[in-house]
Amino acid sequence: MNLTVAIPTTDSVAIIREGWNLLMEQLGLKKAVQFIVLIERGKGDTVQEIADYWGNSGIKDKL
């Protein structure tokens, strides 16, 4: 199994946060999440990954 993990730099984290904030301002939460899901296809069992991430948490727990 070949796993590659990108370690974010301070600059990349700042850009990701800025991008997310802009998406939220322009699209709102629902459409911003839909946008990210559409461009981040990933591999494997996405449904299981989402279930593992969210568990019994709500959106307020993740912000």
Protein backbone atom coordinates (compact mmCIF):
# COMPACT_ATOMS: atom_id res chain seq x y z
CA MET A 1 0.00 0.00 0.00
CA ASN A 2 1.42 3.36 -1.03
CA LEU A 3 0.12 6.25 1.08
CA THR A 4 1.15 9.80 0.39
CA VAL A 5 0.34 12.46 2.94
CA ALA A 6 0.87 16.14 2.26
CA ILE A 7 1.94 18.07 5.32
CA PRO A 8 0.38 21.52 5.10
CA THR A 9 2.60 24.54 5.56
CA THR A 10 1.52 27.65 7.42
CA ASP A 11 0.93 29.38 4.07
CA SER A 12 -1.16 26.54 2.66
CA VAL A 13 -3.30 26.36 5.81
CA ALA A 14 -3.94 30.11 5.56
CA ILE A 15 -4.93 29.80 1.89
CA ILE A 16 -7.25 26.87 2.63
CA ARG A 17 -8.93 28.84 5.43
CA GLU A 18 -9.30 31.91 3.23
CA GLY A 19 -10.75 29.82 0.42
CA TRP A 20 -13.22 28.11 2.75
CA ASN A 21 -14.31 31.46 4.19
CA LEU A 22 -14.88 32.83 0.68
CA LEU A 23 -16.87 29.75 -0.31
CA MET A 24 -19.01 30.10 2.81
CA GLU A 25 -19.62 33.82 2.21
CA GLN A 26 -20.54 33.36 -1.44
CA LEU A 27 -22.33 30.00 -1.40
CA GLY A 28 -23.45 29.35 2.16
CA LEU A 29 -22.67 26.18 4.09
CA LYS A 30 -24.74 23.70 2.07
CA LYS A 31 -23.44 24.73 -1.36
CA ALA A 32 -19.86 25.17 -0.10
CA VAL A 33 -19.85 21.59 1.17
CA GLN A 34 -21.42 20.35 -2.08
CA PHE A 35 -18.71 22.15 -4.04
CA ILE A 36 -15.91 20.57 -2.00
CA VAL A 37 -17.47 17.12 -2.35
CA LEU A 38 -17.72 17.56 -6.12
CA ILE A 39 -14.07 18.53 -6.59
CA GLU A 40 -12.60 16.18 -3.96
CA ARG A 41 -13.51 12.78 -5.34
CA GLY A 42 -11.00 10.78 -3.33
CA LYS A 43 -10.74 7.01 -3.42
CA GLY A 44 -12.28 4.23 -1.42
CA ASP A 45 -15.46 4.14 0.61
CA THR A 46 -16.46 7.79 0.94
CA VAL A 47 -19.68 6.95 2.77
CA GLN A 48 -17.71 5.11 5.46
CA GLU A 49 -15.13 7.93 5.67
CA ILE A 50 -17.91 10.48 6.19
CA ALA A 51 -19.57 8.29 8.83
CA ASP A 52 -16.23 7.85 10.62
CA TYR A 53 -15.59 11.61 10.54
CA TRP A 54 -19.03 12.77 11.66
CA GLY A 55 -20.05 9.92 13.96
CA ASN A 56 -22.73 11.41 16.21
CA SER A 57 -21.32 14.96 15.90
CA GLY A 58 -23.18 17.91 14.54
CA ILE A 59 -21.85 20.76 12.40
CA LYS A 60 -21.29 22.94 15.49
CA ASP A 61 -18.96 20.29 16.91
CA LYS A 62 -16.79 20.41 13.79
CA LEU A 63 -16.47 24.19 13.43
